[in-house]
Amino acid sequence: MTLPLETIIGLEVHAQMSTRTKMFCGCDNDAFGKAANTTICPICTGHPGTLPTPNEEAIRTAIRTSLALGCTIRKECHFDRKHYFYPDLPYGFQISQYDFPLAEHGELKFDIHNHSGNILHESTCRITRLHMENDAGKLTHRGSTTLCDYNRAGTPLMEIVTEPDLRSAQEAVAFAQELRRILIALDASQADMFKGMMRFDASISLRENGTEKLNPRSEIKNLNSFKSLEKALQYEEKRLVALWKECKGPLPHNITVGWLDDEEKTKILREKEEAQDYRYFPEPDIPPLYFSQKDIDEIKSRLPSLPRERQQQYISLGLNEKQAQQLIDQPKLCVMFDAVYKKTNDAKRAASLVLTQLLGFLNTQEKSVHDGPDATALLELIEQIDNGTISAHAGKEVLEAMTQTGKSASVLIEEKGLRQISDDRIIDDLVQKAIQENPKAVGAYKNGKKQALGAIVGWVMKKSKGQANPEKVNAILKKELQQ
């Protein structure tokens, strides 16, 4: 009797570190969009006689990330040469880490959500290791010609390797999304997948439910989006299930496949390489790295609050799970909410302004958060509302104009003539006219229909083009009607 099959998934995540320079030289680490072969030097292009020098900023960034993932930092680690021959690898080898990586044995907790954005359950994936390495260049194929761009060669990478703890494409994506949030929160990587700053190699295999043996796996190379990660794993899972039924068992050996985005299917590339195929040996040009416990503790003491911790803090303020998720998914929103909450001490008001009004206006205009006003601009708007310069209603109009034009609240208030009327004499004149023009509403109010007051206030607001201070209008009107 054949038992149901269980899916086993592990990930290797490559994240470009947010450093000023490359891993082993002084070249600019921000090469995206620049002319080919313009951010290179003899070191990152592997000229004979050059020597690599490790980037201290990159090492500290990798340690910071390792600690955030609960990994143990090795007090001594070293770089290795990983040999393979490909035109985008100018050295003829990659400087990586194998036997003695920077960090090992961590874990990452992440949530599985339903389609409504609510949390179904929490999962945990163990981290096998985190090590540092340099990236290769980029190849562009044009017919029978291949062009090499080495701008990316030498870019500092962290490779984060998981245990095979993931059981579905949904879990793999949820893990990757949580990892990305952590990288951004730490300022360890921008993790911009459009720019190739975060890429995945996903290994998937099958086994009979209830068994512990790990069978040969299929490794899907160079996935560069959550969508491609999910679709590739789902496709390969179905393919492996069909092969299992056809061959009555797992793959005979490890294989490497590529994901064809346009065709939404995988393509077998080769048998999977093993460690011995890369002929690792210690990098002779870089001495071992040593870290004291004091070094590690100092870096650990400077870690910021991590996304899951922030999420719980927002929920404790009264936000729902979806709102808290929105904030931790977009750091700029997080900064704006925090600034508004700090000023107002009102989480509901901060959520309304940032997550409902601001996002609503930006979505209507098909703009991103980065195209809209920043925290300072929002605080100025709140100041104008709170000091009575404009009403809360006018504040929405100003905010919409801010997202459209990029102008400040104070400039728009003057341009649109929205400054609130708070002069008691002017409001008193408006109230007297309202009483004269609305005798039925006045009579109804005096006969006990309190809701009739709204009609009189509405008349004042209309006549003042929404500029009369509604609190003062209410107060003066009630006083007059009680006489």
Protein backbone atom coordinates (compact mmCIF):
# COMPACT_ATOMS: atom_id res chain seq x y z
CA MET A 1 0.00 0.00 0.00
CA THR A 2 1.39 3.39 -1.03
CA LEU A 3 1.38 6.03 1.69
CA PRO A 4 0.42 9.67 0.95
CA LEU A 5 3.36 11.78 -0.14
CA GLU A 6 4.88 14.60 1.89
CA THR A 7 6.62 17.58 0.24
CA ILE A 8 10.03 18.57 1.62
CA ILE A 9 11.43 22.02 0.78
CA GLY A 10 14.61 23.86 1.73
CA LEU A 11 15.82 27.25 0.55
CA GLU A 12 19.11 28.97 -0.16
CA VAL A 13 18.60 32.73 -0.10
CA HIS A 14 21.16 35.11 -1.58
CA ALA A 15 20.82 38.69 -0.33
CA GLN A 16 22.95 41.61 -1.49
CA MET A 17 24.28 43.49 1.52
CA SER A 18 23.67 47.24 1.79
CA THR A 19 27.27 48.40 1.89
CA ARG A 20 28.92 51.34 0.20
CA THR A 21 31.54 49.22 -1.57
CA LYS A 22 31.93 45.68 -2.86
CA MET A 23 33.04 42.65 -0.85
CA PHE A 24 36.77 42.70 -1.55
CA CYS A 25 37.49 46.04 -3.27
CA GLY A 26 36.56 49.72 -3.17
CA CYS A 27 34.19 49.74 -6.16
CA ASP A 28 30.68 51.17 -5.84
CA ASN A 29 28.22 48.53 -4.62
CA ASP A 30 25.28 50.26 -6.34
CA ALA A 31 25.71 49.26 -9.97
CA PHE A 32 22.07 48.77 -10.98
CA GLY A 33 21.17 50.67 -14.14
CA LYS A 34 24.71 51.91 -14.77
CA ALA A 35 26.55 51.44 -18.04
CA ALA A 36 28.14 47.99 -18.39
CA ASN A 37 31.61 47.53 -16.93
CA THR A 38 31.83 50.99 -15.36
CA THR A 39 31.94 50.02 -11.64
CA ILE A 40 34.86 47.62 -11.86
CA CYS A 41 38.54 47.48 -10.98
CA PRO A 42 41.43 45.00 -11.35
CA ILE A 43 40.46 43.32 -8.05
CA CYS A 44 36.79 42.53 -8.77
CA THR A 45 37.67 41.48 -12.33
CA GLY A 46 40.35 39.08 -11.10
CA HIS A 47 43.49 40.55 -12.65
CA PRO A 48 46.65 38.59 -11.82
CA GLY A 49 48.62 39.95 -8.87
CA THR A 50 45.67 41.67 -7.17
CA LEU A 51 44.69 40.86 -3.57
CA PRO A 52 41.17 40.92 -2.09
CA THR A 53 40.56 42.84 1.16
CA PRO A 54 37.42 41.90 3.14
CA ASN A 55 34.85 44.64 3.62
CA GLU A 56 34.46 45.27 7.38
CA GLU A 57 31.03 46.85 6.90
CA ALA A 58 29.83 43.71 5.10
CA ILE A 59 31.16 41.45 7.85
CA ARG A 60 29.39 43.46 10.55
CA THR A 61 26.18 43.43 8.48
CA ALA A 62 26.36 39.64 8.13
CA ILE A 63 26.95 39.24 11.88
CA ARG A 64 24.00 41.52 12.63
CA THR A 65 21.74 39.44 10.38
CA SER A 66 23.00 36.18 11.86
CA LEU A 67 22.21 37.35 15.39
CA ALA A 68 18.73 38.50 14.35
CA LEU A 69 18.13 34.97 13.03
CA GLY A 70 19.27 33.44 16.32
CA CYS A 71 22.44 31.95 14.83
CA THR A 72 25.64 31.20 16.73
CA ILE A 73 28.60 33.24 15.46
CA ARG A 74 31.82 31.31 14.97
CA LYS A 75 34.65 32.90 16.90
CA GLU A 76 36.90 31.92 13.98
CA CYS A 77 35.87 31.57 10.35
CA HIS A 78 37.61 31.76 7.01
CA PHE A 79 36.92 32.15 3.30
CA ASP A 80 37.21 29.36 0.74
CA ARG A 81 37.59 29.16 -2.99
CA LYS A 82 34.63 27.54 -4.75
CA HIS A 83 35.76 26.52 -8.22
CA TYR A 84 33.57 26.50 -11.28
CA PHE A 85 34.19 27.89 -14.74
CA TYR A 86 31.71 30.30 -16.27
CA PRO A 87 32.27 33.54 -18.21
CA ASP A 88 30.60 35.71 -15.54
CA LEU A 89 33.11 34.57 -12.89
CA PRO A 90 36.32 36.48 -13.67
CA TYR A 91 38.48 34.74 -11.01
CA GLY A 92 37.58 31.26 -12.24
CA PHE A 93 36.36 30.68 -8.66
CA GLN A 94 34.04 32.32 -6.16
CA ILE A 95 35.28 33.48 -2.76
CA SER A 96 32.76 31.91 -0.40
CA GLN A 97 32.69 30.00 2.90
CA TYR A 98 32.30 26.24 3.28
CA ASP A 99 33.82 24.34 6.22
CA PHE A 100 33.87 27.29 8.63
CA PRO A 101 30.94 29.63 7.83
CA LEU A 102 30.30 32.84 9.72
CA ALA A 103 27.23 31.55 11.60
CA GLU A 104 25.16 28.40 12.16
CA HIS A 105 22.09 26.93 13.87
CA GLY A 106 19.43 29.62 13.94
CA GLU A 107 15.70 29.70 13.31
CA LEU A 108 13.05 31.97 11.89
CA LYS A 109 9.41 32.10 12.97
CA PHE A 110 6.81 33.17 10.43
CA ASP A 111 3.03 33.29 10.07
CA ILE A 112 0.79 31.56 7.56
CA HIS A 113 -2.12 33.79 6.51
CA ASN A 114 -5.45 33.07 4.86
CA HIS A 115 -6.76 34.98 1.83
CA SER A 116 -8.24 37.65 4.11
CA GLY A 117 -4.86 38.38 5.65
CA ASN A 118 -5.66 36.82 9.03
CA ILE A 119 -3.08 34.58 10.72
CA LEU A 120 -3.89 30.85 10.52
CA HIS A 121 -0.89 29.56 12.45
CA GLU A 122 2.78 30.14 13.24
CA SER A 123 5.57 28.05 11.73
CA THR A 124 9.30 27.75 12.38
CA CYS A 125 12.11 26.98 9.96
CA ARG A 126 15.61 26.20 11.17
CA ILE A 127 18.56 28.06 9.66
CA THR A 128 21.48 25.78 8.84
CA ARG A 129 24.05 28.48 8.23
CA LEU A 130 24.73 32.01 7.06
CA HIS A 131 27.91 32.68 5.15
CA MET A 132 29.43 35.48 3.10
CA GLU A 133 30.52 35.41 -0.54
CA ASN A 134 30.94 37.63 -3.58
CA ASP A 135 28.56 37.68 -6.53
CA ALA A 136 29.35 36.88 -10.14
CA GLY A 137 28.78 39.20 -13.10
CA LYS A 138 25.87 39.20 -15.52
CA LEU A 139 25.64 37.57 -18.94
CA THR A 140 23.42 38.84 -21.75
CA HIS A 141 22.78 36.42 -24.61
CA ARG A 142 22.10 37.86 -28.06
CA GLY A 143 21.78 35.10 -30.59
CA SER A 144 25.15 33.39 -30.81
CA THR A 145 26.86 36.24 -28.93
CA THR A 146 27.19 36.51 -25.17
CA LEU A 147 28.08 39.83 -23.51
CA CYS A 148 29.69 40.03 -20.06
CA ASP A 149 28.93 42.85 -17.61
CA TYR A 150 31.13 42.68 -14.49
CA ASN A 151 29.49 45.58 -12.62
CA ARG A 152 27.89 43.08 -10.25
CA ALA A 153 31.04 40.96 -9.87
CA GLY A 154 32.30 41.26 -6.31
CA THR A 155 28.98 42.42 -4.84
CA PRO A 156 28.79 41.33 -1.16
CA LEU A 157 26.26 38.57 -0.59
CA MET A 158 24.89 36.71 2.38
CA GLU A 159 23.78 33.16 1.65
CA ILE A 160 21.19 31.94 4.15
CA VAL A 161 20.62 28.18 4.01
CA THR A 162 17.63 26.55 5.68
CA GLU A 163 17.00 23.05 6.91
CA PRO A 164 14.41 21.10 4.84
CA ASP A 165 11.64 22.21 7.23
CA LEU A 166 9.19 23.76 4.75
CA ARG A 167 6.23 21.66 3.59
CA SER A 168 4.57 23.69 0.85
CA ALA A 169 5.10 26.52 -1.61
CA GLN A 170 2.94 28.71 0.64
CA GLU A 171 5.25 28.07 3.60
CA ALA A 172 8.34 28.77 1.48
CA VAL A 173 6.93 32.13 0.35
CA ALA A 174 5.85 33.08 3.89
CA PHE A 175 9.35 32.26 5.18
CA ALA A 176 10.98 34.30 2.39
CA GLN A 177 8.68 37.27 3.02
CA GLU A 178 9.46 37.28 6.75
CA LEU A 179 13.19 37.02 6.03
CA ARG A 180 12.94 39.98 3.67
CA ARG A 181 11.21 42.05 6.35
CA ILE A 182 14.04 41.27 8.77
CA LEU A 183 16.75 42.18 6.24
CA ILE A 184 15.08 45.54 5.55
CA ALA A 185 14.46 46.27 9.24
CA LEU A 186 18.15 45.64 9.96
CA ASP A 187 19.21 47.79 6.99
CA ALA A 188 21.23 44.72 6.03
CA SER A 189 19.83 44.58 2.50
CA GLN A 190 17.34 46.54 0.45
CA ALA A 191 16.17 43.10 -0.76
CA ASP A 192 14.82 44.70 -3.95
CA MET A 193 14.07 41.66 -6.08
CA PHE A 194 13.52 43.75 -9.20
CA LYS A 195 17.18 44.77 -8.92
CA GLY A 196 18.32 41.20 -8.18
CA MET A 197 19.16 41.99 -4.54
CA MET A 198 17.37 38.90 -3.23
CA ARG A 199 17.30 35.58 -5.07
CA PHE A 200 16.30 32.04 -4.16
CA ASP A 201 17.47 28.53 -4.94
CA ALA A 202 14.71 26.14 -3.85
CA SER A 203 15.22 22.42 -3.30
CA ILE A 204 12.17 20.15 -3.33
CA SER A 205 11.74 16.41 -2.86
CA LEU A 206 9.03 13.94 -1.88
CA ARG A 207 8.81 11.15 0.65
CA GLU A 208 6.11 8.89 2.00
CA ASN A 209 4.24 10.41 4.91
CA GLY A 210 5.55 9.25 8.26
CA THR A 211 9.04 8.38 6.99
CA GLU A 212 12.18 10.34 7.91
CA LYS A 213 14.46 9.60 4.95
CA LEU A 214 15.39 12.53 2.68
CA ASN A 215 15.20 11.48 -0.96
CA PRO A 216 17.09 12.95 -3.92
CA ARG A 217 15.91 16.47 -4.65
CA SER A 218 15.31 18.86 -7.49
CA GLU A 219 16.99 22.25 -7.04
CA ILE A 220 15.33 25.19 -8.82
CA LYS A 221 17.92 27.88 -9.52
CA ASN A 222 17.80 31.69 -9.45
CA LEU A 223 14.21 32.55 -8.59
CA ASN A 224 13.91 36.32 -8.27
CA SER A 225 10.38 36.98 -6.97
CA PHE A 226 7.89 35.55 -4.49
CA LYS A 227 5.57 34.80 -7.39
CA SER A 228 8.19 32.79 -9.29
CA LEU A 229 9.21 31.00 -6.06
CA GLU A 230 5.62 29.91 -5.44
CA LYS A 231 4.80 28.95 -9.02
CA ALA A 232 8.09 27.09 -9.56
CA LEU A 233 7.65 25.01 -6.39
CA GLN A 234 4.01 24.25 -7.21
CA TYR A 235 4.95 23.16 -10.74
CA GLU A 236 7.89 21.05 -9.65
CA GLU A 237 5.84 19.44 -6.87
CA LYS A 238 3.21 18.31 -9.40
CA ARG A 239 5.94 17.06 -11.76
CA LEU A 240 7.66 15.06 -9.02
CA VAL A 241 4.35 13.53 -7.88
CA ALA A 242 3.64 12.42 -11.46
CA LEU A 243 7.16 10.97 -11.77
CA TRP A 244 6.76 9.14 -8.43
CA LYS A 245 3.54 7.51 -9.63
CA GLU A 246 5.08 6.65 -13.00
CA CYS A 247 8.37 5.28 -11.61
CA LYS A 248 6.93 4.13 -8.27
CA GLY A 249 9.46 6.09 -6.29
CA PRO A 250 11.54 9.27 -5.90
CA LEU A 251 14.12 10.76 -8.25
CA PRO A 252 17.14 8.46 -8.71
CA HIS A 253 19.60 11.30 -8.06
CA ASN A 254 19.74 15.04 -7.35
CA ILE A 255 19.05 17.29 -10.33
CA THR A 256 19.24 21.02 -11.09
CA VAL A 257 16.40 22.71 -12.99
CA GLY A 258 15.75 26.22 -14.25
CA TRP A 259 12.43 28.08 -14.06
CA LEU A 260 11.06 29.45 -17.34
CA ASP A 261 8.94 32.42 -16.28
CA ASP A 262 7.20 32.95 -19.63
CA GLU A 263 6.24 29.29 -19.99
CA GLU A 264 5.65 28.75 -16.25
CA LYS A 265 7.49 25.44 -16.15
CA THR A 266 10.88 24.06 -15.16
CA LYS A 267 13.62 22.82 -17.46
CA ILE A 268 16.17 20.19 -16.45
CA LEU A 269 19.67 21.67 -16.67
CA ARG A 270 22.03 19.04 -15.24
CA GLU A 271 22.67 16.66 -12.42
CA LYS A 272 23.15 18.50 -9.14
CA GLU A 273 26.76 19.29 -8.26
CA GLU A 274 28.13 18.03 -4.96
CA ALA A 275 30.70 19.76 -2.73
CA GLN A 276 33.60 17.77 -4.18
CA ASP A 277 32.75 19.07 -7.66
CA TYR A 278 33.65 22.59 -6.54
CA ARG A 279 37.09 21.57 -5.15
CA TYR A 280 36.85 23.83 -2.10
CA PHE A 281 40.02 24.86 -0.34
CA PRO A 282 40.85 27.75 2.04
CA GLU A 283 41.34 31.13 0.34
CA PRO A 284 45.12 31.69 0.64
CA ASP A 285 44.97 35.47 0.12
CA ILE A 286 42.62 36.21 3.06
CA PRO A 287 43.61 35.26 6.63
CA PRO A 288 41.01 33.77 9.01
CA LEU A 289 38.59 36.13 10.73
CA TYR A 290 38.47 36.20 14.55
CA PHE A 291 35.66 37.63 16.68
CA SER A 292 35.64 38.14 20.43
CA GLN A 293 32.49 37.77 22.51
CA LYS A 294 32.77 41.49 23.21
CA ASP A 295 32.59 42.21 19.45
CA ILE A 296 29.52 40.01 19.08
CA ASP A 297 27.75 41.42 22.16
CA GLU A 298 28.37 44.99 20.98
CA ILE A 299 26.72 44.28 17.62
CA LYS A 300 23.86 42.41 19.29
CA SER A 301 23.15 45.32 21.64
CA ARG A 302 22.49 47.57 18.65
CA LEU A 303 19.89 45.34 16.96
CA PRO A 304 16.60 47.16 16.33
CA SER A 305 13.15 45.73 17.08
CA LEU A 306 12.42 42.99 14.57
CA PRO A 307 9.25 42.89 12.44
CA ARG A 308 7.33 40.27 14.44
CA GLU A 309 8.01 42.19 17.64
CA ARG A 310 6.85 45.42 15.99
CA GLN A 311 3.75 43.65 14.69
CA GLN A 312 2.74 42.61 18.20
CA GLN A 313 3.37 46.14 19.47
CA TYR A 314 0.99 47.55 16.84
CA ILE A 315 -1.68 44.96 17.66
CA SER A 316 -1.36 45.87 21.35
CA LEU A 317 -2.14 49.49 20.38
CA GLY A 318 -5.48 48.37 18.95
CA LEU A 319 -4.58 47.84 15.28
CA ASN A 320 -5.86 44.69 13.63
CA GLU A 321 -3.60 42.01 12.12
CA LYS A 322 -3.99 43.33 8.58
CA GLN A 323 -3.05 46.88 9.59
CA ALA A 324 -0.04 45.68 11.58
CA GLN A 325 1.05 43.60 8.58
CA GLN A 326 0.77 46.61 6.27
CA LEU A 327 3.09 48.59 8.51
CA ILE A 328 5.84 45.99 8.86
CA ASP A 329 5.69 45.20 5.14
CA GLN A 330 6.46 48.82 4.20
CA PRO A 331 9.12 50.49 6.36
CA LYS A 332 8.21 54.00 5.16
CA LEU A 333 4.62 53.49 6.33
CA CYS A 334 6.05 52.26 9.62
CA VAL A 335 8.09 55.45 10.06
CA MET A 336 5.10 57.65 9.27
CA PHE A 337 2.74 55.80 11.61
CA ASP A 338 5.28 55.90 14.44
CA ALA A 339 5.81 59.66 13.96
CA VAL A 340 2.08 60.42 13.91
CA TYR A 341 1.39 58.18 16.91
CA LYS A 342 4.22 59.78 18.87
CA LYS A 343 2.76 63.25 18.21
CA THR A 344 -0.90 62.42 18.81
CA ASN A 345 -0.74 59.44 21.19
CA ASP A 346 -3.75 58.19 19.25
CA ALA A 347 -3.19 54.91 17.38
CA LYS A 348 -6.65 54.95 15.79
CA ARG A 349 -6.07 58.44 14.38
CA ALA A 350 -2.58 57.52 13.16
CA ALA A 351 -3.89 54.39 11.42
CA SER A 352 -6.73 56.36 9.80
CA LEU A 353 -4.38 59.04 8.49
CA VAL A 354 -1.60 56.74 7.25
CA LEU A 355 -3.29 53.46 6.31
CA THR A 356 -6.73 54.69 5.19
CA GLN A 357 -6.47 58.26 3.92
CA LEU A 358 -2.88 58.44 2.67
CA LEU A 359 -2.80 54.95 1.12
CA GLY A 360 -6.25 55.50 -0.36
CA PHE A 361 -5.20 58.69 -2.14
CA LEU A 362 -1.92 57.13 -3.34
CA ASN A 363 -3.69 54.02 -4.66
CA THR A 364 -6.24 56.16 -6.51
CA GLN A 365 -3.38 58.02 -8.18
CA GLU A 366 -1.48 54.75 -8.83
CA LYS A 367 1.48 55.98 -6.80
CA SER A 368 3.70 54.15 -4.33
CA VAL A 369 4.40 55.17 -0.73
CA HIS A 370 7.78 56.49 -1.89
CA ASP A 371 6.01 58.97 -4.22
CA GLY A 372 3.94 60.50 -1.43
CA PRO A 373 4.58 62.88 1.49
CA ASP A 374 7.04 61.87 4.20
CA ALA A 375 6.60 61.80 7.96
CA THR A 376 7.64 65.45 8.37
CA ALA A 377 4.99 66.57 5.88
CA LEU A 378 2.29 64.58 7.70
CA LEU A 379 3.29 66.07 11.04
CA GLU A 380 2.97 69.57 9.59
CA LEU A 381 -0.54 68.71 8.39
CA ILE A 382 -1.51 67.44 11.85
CA GLU A 383 -0.14 70.62 13.42
CA GLN A 384 -2.32 72.73 11.12
CA ILE A 385 -5.40 70.73 12.12
CA ASP A 386 -4.66 70.63 15.84
CA ASN A 387 -3.93 74.36 16.14
CA GLY A 388 -7.20 75.19 14.42
CA THR A 389 -5.75 76.53 11.17
CA ILE A 390 -7.90 74.08 9.18
CA SER A 391 -10.68 71.65 10.07
CA ALA A 392 -10.25 67.88 10.05
CA HIS A 393 -12.50 67.74 6.99
CA ALA A 394 -10.32 70.26 5.15
CA GLY A 395 -7.30 68.23 6.27
CA LYS A 396 -8.41 65.36 4.02
CA GLU A 397 -8.63 67.71 1.05
CA VAL A 398 -5.15 69.03 1.83
CA LEU A 399 -3.71 65.51 2.18
CA GLU A 400 -5.12 64.49 -1.18
CA ALA A 401 -3.55 67.58 -2.77
CA MET A 402 -0.25 66.79 -1.04
CA THR A 403 -0.16 63.35 -2.69
CA GLN A 404 -1.01 64.89 -6.06
CA THR A 405 1.37 67.86 -6.05
CA GLY A 406 4.11 67.17 -3.51
CA LYS A 407 3.47 70.60 -1.97
CA SER A 408 3.44 71.20 1.78
CA ALA A 409 0.26 71.53 3.84
CA SER A 410 0.87 75.22 4.63
CA VAL A 411 1.32 76.13 0.96
CA LEU A 412 -1.82 74.28 -0.10
CA ILE A 413 -3.91 75.80 2.71
CA GLU A 414 -3.10 79.28 1.42
CA GLU A 415 -3.52 78.36 -2.25
CA LYS A 416 -6.92 76.78 -1.65
CA GLY A 417 -8.10 79.35 0.88
CA LEU A 418 -8.86 76.69 3.47
CA ARG A 419 -7.74 78.56 6.55
CA GLN A 420 -10.37 77.94 9.23
CA ILE A 421 -12.48 80.82 10.58
CA SER A 422 -12.16 80.88 14.37
CA ASP A 423 -12.96 84.55 15.03
CA ASP A 424 -15.92 84.58 17.48
CA ARG A 425 -17.39 87.76 15.96
CA ILE A 426 -17.47 86.35 12.42
CA ILE A 427 -18.93 83.05 13.59
CA ASP A 428 -21.52 84.87 15.73
CA ASP A 429 -22.68 86.82 12.66
CA LEU A 430 -23.00 83.57 10.68
CA VAL A 431 -24.96 81.94 13.51
CA GLN A 432 -27.40 84.89 13.73
CA LYS A 433 -28.04 84.64 9.98
CA ALA A 434 -28.51 80.87 10.23
CA ILE A 435 -31.15 81.30 12.96
CA GLN A 436 -33.01 83.81 10.82
CA GLU A 437 -32.85 81.65 7.64
CA ASN A 438 -33.84 78.34 9.30
CA PRO A 439 -36.92 79.02 11.49
CA LYS A 440 -38.34 75.48 11.12
CA ALA A 441 -35.09 73.84 12.27
CA VAL A 442 -34.83 76.33 15.15
CA GLY A 443 -38.40 75.57 16.22
CA ALA A 444 -37.83 71.82 16.00
CA TYR A 445 -34.69 72.08 18.12
CA LYS A 446 -36.49 74.10 20.79
CA ASN A 447 -39.28 71.49 20.79
CA GLY A 448 -36.77 68.79 21.75
CA LYS A 449 -35.54 67.47 18.38
CA LYS A 450 -31.83 67.82 19.07
CA GLN A 451 -30.86 66.42 15.66
CA ALA A 452 -32.30 69.57 14.06
CA LEU A 453 -29.17 71.37 15.22
CA GLY A 454 -27.24 69.63 12.46
CA ALA A 455 -29.24 71.37 9.75
CA ILE A 456 -28.43 74.80 11.20
CA VAL A 457 -24.73 73.95 11.61
CA GLY A 458 -24.72 72.67 8.03
CA TRP A 459 -26.09 75.99 6.80
CA VAL A 460 -23.24 77.84 8.55
CA MET A 461 -20.61 75.48 7.13
CA LYS A 462 -22.04 75.86 3.64
CA LYS A 463 -22.10 79.64 3.83
CA SER A 464 -18.53 79.71 5.17
CA LYS A 465 -17.39 77.22 2.47
CA GLY A 466 -16.44 74.77 5.20
CA GLN A 467 -14.05 77.20 6.85
CA ALA A 468 -15.96 77.99 10.04
CA ASN A 469 -14.62 76.21 13.10
CA PRO A 470 -17.36 73.57 13.68
CA GLU A 471 -16.72 73.32 17.43
CA LYS A 472 -17.17 77.08 17.86
CA VAL A 473 -20.23 77.05 15.58
CA ASN A 474 -21.86 74.36 17.76
CA ALA A 475 -21.00 76.13 21.01
CA ILE A 476 -22.22 79.61 19.93
CA LEU A 477 -25.33 78.20 18.27
CA LYS A 478 -26.40 76.23 21.35
CA LYS A 479 -25.83 79.27 23.54
CA GLU A 480 -28.00 81.45 21.27
CA LEU A 481 -30.81 78.89 21.06
CA GLN A 482 -30.93 78.45 24.82
CA GLN A 483 -31.61 82.17 25.35
